[in-house]
C-alpha atoms as a PDB file:
ATOM      1  CA  UNK A   1      40.592 159.148 201.488  1.00  0.00           C
ATOM      2  CA  UNK A   2      40.899 157.806 197.883  1.00  0.00           C
ATOM      3  CA  UNK A   3      38.814 154.852 196.378  1.00  0.00           C
ATOM      4  CA  UNK A   4      40.754 152.548 194.045  1.00  0.00           C
ATOM      5  CA  UNK A   5      38.006 150.573 191.959  1.00  0.00           C
ATOM      6  CA  UNK A   6      37.470 147.024 193.331  1.00  0.00           C
ATOM      7  CA  UNK A   7      38.783 144.895 189.636  1.00  0.00           C
ATOM      8  CA  UNK A   8      36.555 142.225 191.192  1.00  0.00           C
ATOM      9  CA  UNK A   9      33.208 143.920 191.467  1.00  0.00           C
ATOM     10  CA  UNK A  10      30.450 142.240 189.854  1.00  0.00           C
ATOM     11  CA  UNK A  11      27.344 143.499 188.953  1.00  0.00           C
ATOM     12  CA  UNK A  12      23.851 141.588 189.368  1.00  0.00           C
ATOM     13  CA  UNK A  13      24.300 139.393 185.758  1.00  0.00           C
ATOM     14  CA  UNK A  14      27.465 138.467 187.425  1.00  0.00           C
ATOM     15  CA  UNK A  15      29.580 140.214 185.097  1.00  0.00           C
ATOM     16  CA  UNK A  16      32.056 142.908 185.357  1.00  0.00           C
ATOM     17  CA  UNK A  17      31.031 146.286 187.125  1.00  0.00           C
ATOM     18  CA  UNK A  18      30.277 148.670 184.338  1.00  0.00           C
ATOM     19  CA  UNK A  19      30.300 152.697 185.553  1.00  0.00           C
ATOM     20  CA  UNK A  20      26.660 153.735 185.685  1.00  0.00           C
ATOM     21  CA  UNK A  21      27.539 158.321 185.221  1.00  0.00           C
ATOM     22  CA  UNK A  22      30.271 160.210 184.819  1.00  0.00           C
ATOM     23  CA  UNK A  23      27.549 163.133 183.904  1.00  0.00           C
ATOM     24  CA  UNK A  24      26.404 163.436 186.677  1.00  0.00           C
ATOM     25  CA  UNK A  25      29.422 162.030 188.594  1.00  0.00           C
ATOM     26  CA  UNK A  26      27.504 159.352 190.505  1.00  0.00           C
ATOM     27  CA  UNK A  27      28.633 156.770 192.786  1.00  0.00           C
ATOM     28  CA  UNK A  28      29.223 156.747 196.801  1.00  0.00           C
ATOM     29  CA  UNK A  29      33.046 157.384 196.223  1.00  0.00           C
ATOM     30  CA  UNK A  30      32.107 159.568 192.915  1.00  0.00           C
ATOM     31  CA  UNK A  31      34.067 157.669 190.790  1.00  0.00           C
ATOM     32  CA  UNK A  32      30.936 156.952 188.227  1.00  0.00           C
ATOM     33  CA  UNK A  33      30.343 153.639 189.754  1.00  0.00           C
ATOM     34  CA  UNK A  34      28.268 151.956 192.072  1.00  0.00           C
ATOM     35  CA  UNK A  35      30.226 150.407 194.382  1.00  0.00           C
ATOM     36  CA  UNK A  36      30.457 150.258 197.850  1.00  0.00           C
ATOM     37  CA  UNK A  37      32.170 149.617 201.539  1.00  0.00           C
ATOM     38  CA  UNK A  38      31.252 149.101 204.820  1.00  0.00           C
ATOM     39  CA  UNK A  39      31.215 153.501 205.125  1.00  0.00           C
ATOM     40  CA  UNK A  40      28.437 153.779 202.778  1.00  0.00           C
ATOM     41  CA  UNK A  41      25.441 153.148 205.133  1.00  0.00           C
ATOM     42  CA  UNK A  42      22.935 154.067 202.228  1.00  0.00           C
ATOM     43  CA  UNK A  43      24.364 151.276 200.018  1.00  0.00           C
ATOM     44  CA  UNK A  44      24.213 153.188 196.559  1.00  0.00           C
ATOM     45  CA  UNK A  45      24.494 150.118 194.475  1.00  0.00           C
ATOM     46  CA  UNK A  46      21.273 150.173 191.776  1.00  0.00           C
ATOM     47  CA  UNK A  47      22.256 151.949 188.924  1.00  0.00           C
ATOM     48  CA  UNK A  48      19.055 153.970 187.622  1.00  0.00           C
ATOM     49  CA  UNK A  49      17.829 156.136 185.150  1.00  0.00           C
ATOM     50  CA  UNK A  50      15.320 158.271 187.458  1.00  0.00           C
ATOM     51  CA  UNK A  51      12.241 159.618 185.896  1.00  0.00           C
ATOM     52  CA  UNK A  52      10.204 162.592 187.475  1.00  0.00           C
ATOM     53  CA  UNK A  53       7.858 160.315 189.531  1.00  0.00           C
ATOM     54  CA  UNK A  54      10.571 158.549 191.322  1.00  0.00           C
ATOM     55  CA  UNK A  55      12.358 162.466 191.950  1.00  0.00           C
ATOM     56  CA  UNK A  56       9.032 163.314 193.533  1.00  0.00           C
ATOM     57  CA  UNK A  57       8.766 160.401 195.584  1.00  0.00           C
ATOM     58  CA  UNK A  58      12.311 160.622 196.785  1.00  0.00           C
ATOM     59  CA  UNK A  59      11.246 164.353 197.980  1.00  0.00           C
ATOM     60  CA  UNK A  60       8.243 162.951 199.611  1.00  0.00           C
ATOM     61  CA  UNK A  61      10.283 160.338 201.339  1.00  0.00           C
ATOM     62  CA  UNK A  62      12.671 163.063 202.799  1.00  0.00           C
ATOM     63  CA  UNK A  63      15.354 162.738 200.311  1.00  0.00           C
ATOM     64  CA  UNK A  64      16.024 165.727 198.121  1.00  0.00           C
ATOM     65  CA  UNK A  65      17.386 164.231 194.669  1.00  0.00           C
ATOM     66  CA  UNK A  66      16.797 167.500 192.537  1.00  0.00           C
ATOM     67  CA  UNK A  67      18.274 170.617 194.593  1.00  0.00           C
ATOM     68  CA  UNK A  68      22.101 170.802 193.938  1.00  0.00           C
ATOM     69  CA  UNK A  69      24.288 170.455 197.055  1.00  0.00           C
ATOM     70  CA  UNK A  70      27.859 171.591 196.039  1.00  0.00           C
ATOM     71  CA  UNK A  71      29.249 170.533 199.690  1.00  0.00           C
ATOM     72  CA  UNK A  72      28.449 166.974 198.833  1.00  0.00           C
ATOM     73  CA  UNK A  73      29.622 167.531 194.909  1.00  0.00           C
ATOM     74  CA  UNK A  74      26.031 166.887 193.962  1.00  0.00           C
ATOM     75  CA  UNK A  75      24.497 168.704 191.196  1.00  0.00           C
ATOM     76  CA  UNK A  76      20.758 167.541 191.418  1.00  0.00           C
ATOM     77  CA  UNK A  77      19.175 165.613 188.921  1.00  0.00           C
ATOM     78  CA  UNK A  78      16.835 165.672 186.325  1.00  0.00           C
ATOM     79  CA  UNK A  79      14.476 162.827 184.548  1.00  0.00           C
ATOM     80  CA  UNK A  80      16.899 160.997 182.298  1.00  0.00           C
ATOM     81  CA  UNK A  81      20.130 161.558 184.161  1.00  0.00           C
ATOM     82  CA  UNK A  82      21.691 158.046 185.904  1.00  0.00           C
ATOM     83  CA  UNK A  83      22.647 157.850 189.292  1.00  0.00           C
ATOM     84  CA  UNK A  84      23.692 155.598 192.067  1.00  0.00           C
ATOM     85  CA  UNK A  85      20.851 155.047 194.538  1.00  0.00           C
ATOM     86  CA  UNK A  86      20.490 153.270 197.741  1.00  0.00           C
ATOM     87  CA  UNK A  87      19.134 150.002 196.842  1.00  0.00           C
ATOM     88  CA  UNK A  88      16.583 150.346 199.798  1.00  0.00           C
ATOM     89  CA  UNK A  89      15.335 153.369 198.086  1.00  0.00           C
ATOM     90  CA  UNK A  90      14.624 151.731 194.756  1.00  0.00           C
ATOM     91  CA  UNK A  91      12.731 148.830 196.526  1.00  0.00           C
ATOM     92  CA  UNK A  92      10.957 151.258 198.525  1.00  0.00           C
ATOM     93  CA  UNK A  93       9.687 152.931 195.127  1.00  0.00           C
ATOM     94  CA  UNK A  94       9.318 149.177 193.654  1.00  0.00           C
ATOM     95  CA  UNK A  95       6.318 148.611 196.160  1.00  0.00           C
ATOM     96  CA  UNK A  96       5.637 152.458 195.637  1.00  0.00           C
ATOM     97  CA  UNK A  97       4.730 151.415 191.736  1.00  0.00           C
ATOM     98  CA  UNK A  98       7.305 154.454 191.421  1.00  0.00           C
ATOM     99  CA  UNK A  99      10.617 152.576 190.278  1.00  0.00           C
ATOM    100  CA  UNK A 100      13.019 154.033 188.102  1.00  0.00           C
ATOM    101  CA  UNK A 101      14.378 151.725 185.372  1.00  0.00           C
ATOM    102  CA  UNK A 102      17.703 149.798 186.194  1.00  0.00           C
ATOM    103  CA  UNK A 103      21.046 149.884 184.179  1.00  0.00           C
ATOM    104  CA  UNK A 104      21.803 145.905 184.870  1.00  0.00           C
ATOM    105  CA  UNK A 105      25.165 146.008 183.484  1.00  0.00           C
ATOM    106  CA  UNK A 106      25.989 149.063 186.287  1.00  0.00           C
ATOM    107  CA  UNK A 107      24.038 147.720 189.062  1.00  0.00           C
ATOM    108  CA  UNK A 108      26.237 146.096 192.027  1.00  0.00           C
ATOM    109  CA  UNK A 109      25.653 142.564 192.587  1.00  0.00           C
ATOM    110  CA  UNK A 110      25.330 143.134 196.210  1.00  0.00           C
ATOM    111  CA  UNK A 111      21.942 144.122 195.265  1.00  0.00           C
ATOM    112  CA  UNK A 112      20.437 140.855 194.947  1.00  0.00           C
ATOM    113  CA  UNK A 113      21.094 140.885 199.089  1.00  0.00           C
ATOM    114  CA  UNK A 114      17.872 143.137 198.991  1.00  0.00           C
ATOM    115  CA  UNK A 115      15.781 142.601 195.910  1.00  0.00           C
ATOM    116  CA  UNK A 116      15.282 139.878 193.455  1.00  0.00           C
ATOM    117  CA  UNK A 117      17.087 139.781 190.177  1.00  0.00           C
ATOM    118  CA  UNK A 118      13.638 139.392 188.263  1.00  0.00           C
ATOM    119  CA  UNK A 119      12.221 142.389 189.814  1.00  0.00           C
ATOM    120  CA  UNK A 120      15.356 144.217 188.749  1.00  0.00           C
ATOM    121  CA  UNK A 121      15.213 142.744 185.490  1.00  0.00           C
ATOM    122  CA  UNK A 122      10.978 143.952 185.005  1.00  0.00           C
ATOM    123  CA  UNK A 123      12.509 147.390 185.190  1.00  0.00           C
ATOM    124  CA  UNK A 124      15.637 147.284 182.876  1.00  0.00           C
ATOM    125  CA  UNK A 125      16.461 150.256 180.987  1.00  0.00           C
ATOM    126  CA  UNK A 126      16.822 149.027 177.416  1.00  0.00           C
ATOM    127  CA  UNK A 127      18.334 152.252 175.250  1.00  0.00           C
ATOM    128  CA  UNK A 128      17.189 153.131 171.887  1.00  0.00           C
END
């Protein structure tokens, strides 16, 4: 089943959703964007720039984002990669003090159903 990008998809700033990452290729639909639908049980909608602290935390929570899994078209992440995270994992990391920075213009508006914009803004990624 192919996924057609939703032209009306918005980010948390109420602007058109922009891609999160093509290298590594991210998104529930592996199209580079943090889009979702009812089949996405993890709700992969927060575009984050991952850190080692977050990756270690995620492994400790039972979600290894470091080890490549080719059968899932997953290359394994390293610090600095951008990735569409499950919104609930980002919230857990936020409460644990290890939340990675968030790319606001690539984070789906649906994230605001789970977390306040002010929390996301506190971790807004600012490129150099």
